[in-house]
Amino acid sequence: MMHLLLISGILYMYPSYFSSFISFIGGLKVVAVFHYIMAIIFTAFFVAHIYLATTGHTMRPLQNAPFRPISASVSNFNPQNTQCIPAVKIFAFLELERN
């Protein structure tokens, strides 16, 4: 994913060097839209992983922080209690089958 963002960024930054390839794939607008979409996906991926990295045993100090994950906001927060994690609540609500 990151390599696609980097390649599209280079194509978008230096269109004169890659003009034949850019015209082959549909023009600079296609490169711009693709780069924008990849940037949004990368940002969401990054934010989600930062959120996931802050859940667990290290969450106690973050309960009083001004910005904290939703799971730390629950009054009965316990890092071992998976019912505090919003994704677990969603999957429990959907009652997905277990193998």
Protein backbone atom coordinates (compact mmCIF):
# COMPACT_ATOMS: atom_id res chain seq x y z
CA MET A 1 0.00 0.00 0.00
CA MET A 2 2.73 2.45 0.96
CA HIS A 3 4.66 1.75 -2.22
CA LEU A 4 1.59 2.61 -4.34
CA LEU A 5 1.23 5.89 -2.47
CA LEU A 6 4.91 6.67 -3.02
CA ILE A 7 4.81 5.80 -6.73
CA SER A 8 1.64 7.82 -7.33
CA GLY A 9 3.15 10.73 -5.40
CA ILE A 10 6.26 10.67 -7.58
CA LEU A 11 4.12 10.51 -10.73
CA TYR A 12 2.00 13.40 -9.46
CA MET A 13 5.01 15.48 -8.42
CA TYR A 14 7.00 15.02 -11.64
CA PRO A 15 4.45 14.65 -14.45
CA SER A 16 6.83 15.95 -17.12
CA TYR A 17 9.25 13.05 -16.58
CA PHE A 18 6.51 10.41 -16.76
CA SER A 19 4.17 12.07 -19.28
CA SER A 20 3.89 9.01 -21.56
CA PHE A 21 2.98 6.68 -18.68
CA ILE A 22 0.56 9.21 -17.19
CA SER A 23 -1.23 9.62 -20.52
CA PHE A 24 -1.32 5.81 -20.86
CA ILE A 25 -3.16 5.37 -17.55
CA GLY A 26 -5.68 8.12 -18.23
CA GLY A 27 -4.11 11.45 -17.38
CA LEU A 28 -2.97 13.43 -14.41
CA LYS A 29 -6.45 13.54 -12.90
CA VAL A 30 -6.45 9.73 -12.59
CA VAL A 31 -3.09 9.90 -10.80
CA ALA A 32 -4.37 12.65 -8.50
CA VAL A 33 -7.54 10.76 -7.55
CA PHE A 34 -5.63 7.51 -7.02
CA HIS A 35 -3.04 9.29 -4.86
CA TYR A 36 -5.80 10.95 -2.82
CA ILE A 37 -7.62 7.65 -2.23
CA MET A 38 -4.40 5.89 -1.26
CA ALA A 39 -3.53 8.73 1.15
CA ILE A 40 -6.92 8.38 2.86
CA ILE A 41 -6.53 4.61 3.14
CA PHE A 42 -3.00 4.97 4.52
CA THR A 43 -4.13 7.58 7.05
CA ALA A 44 -7.02 5.39 8.22
CA PHE A 45 -4.66 2.40 8.45
CA PHE A 46 -2.18 4.46 10.50
CA VAL A 47 -4.82 5.88 12.87
CA ALA A 48 -6.41 2.45 13.37
CA HIS A 49 -3.09 0.89 14.25
CA ILE A 50 -2.21 3.67 16.68
CA TYR A 51 -5.60 3.12 18.32
CA LEU A 52 -5.07 -0.62 18.50
CA ALA A 53 -1.56 -0.15 19.88
CA THR A 54 -2.90 1.92 22.76
CA THR A 55 -5.38 -0.70 23.94
CA GLY A 56 -4.29 -3.32 26.42
CA HIS A 57 -2.23 -3.23 29.59
CA THR A 58 -0.83 0.24 28.95
CA MET A 59 -4.24 1.93 28.89
CA ARG A 60 -4.52 2.77 32.62
CA PRO A 61 -2.53 6.04 32.34
CA LEU A 62 -4.59 7.08 29.30
CA GLN A 63 -7.93 6.91 31.12
CA ASN A 64 -7.47 10.47 32.39
CA ALA A 65 -5.92 11.81 29.18
CA PRO A 66 -7.83 14.50 27.26
CA PHE A 67 -7.78 12.36 24.08
CA ARG A 68 -8.26 8.67 24.64
CA PRO A 69 -9.62 5.64 22.82
CA ILE A 70 -13.32 4.93 23.24
CA SER A 71 -12.57 1.71 25.12
CA ALA A 72 -10.77 3.68 27.88
CA SER A 73 -13.80 5.94 28.37
CA VAL A 74 -15.98 3.17 29.79
CA SER A 75 -16.42 3.48 33.54
CA ASN A 76 -15.75 -0.23 34.15
CA PHE A 77 -12.62 -0.28 31.97
CA ASN A 78 -10.42 -3.31 32.38
CA PRO A 79 -7.77 -4.16 29.77
CA GLN A 80 -8.59 -7.85 30.16
CA ASN A 81 -12.31 -7.24 29.60
CA THR A 82 -12.88 -7.48 25.85
CA GLN A 83 -16.46 -6.25 26.24
CA CYS A 84 -15.04 -2.69 26.57
CA ILE A 85 -13.75 -2.79 23.00
CA PRO A 86 -16.32 -1.31 20.53
CA ALA A 87 -15.53 -3.83 17.78
CA VAL A 88 -16.28 -6.71 20.15
CA LYS A 89 -19.64 -5.14 21.00
CA ILE A 90 -20.47 -4.83 17.30
CA PHE A 91 -19.57 -8.45 16.54
CA ALA A 92 -21.46 -9.64 19.59
CA PHE A 93 -24.48 -7.65 18.42
CA LEU A 94 -24.26 -9.22 14.97
CA GLU A 95 -23.96 -12.68 16.56
CA LEU A 96 -21.50 -13.92 13.98
CA GLU A 97 -21.00 -17.65 13.81
CA ARG A 98 -17.96 -19.14 15.47
CA ASN A 99 -16.11 -22.10 14.01
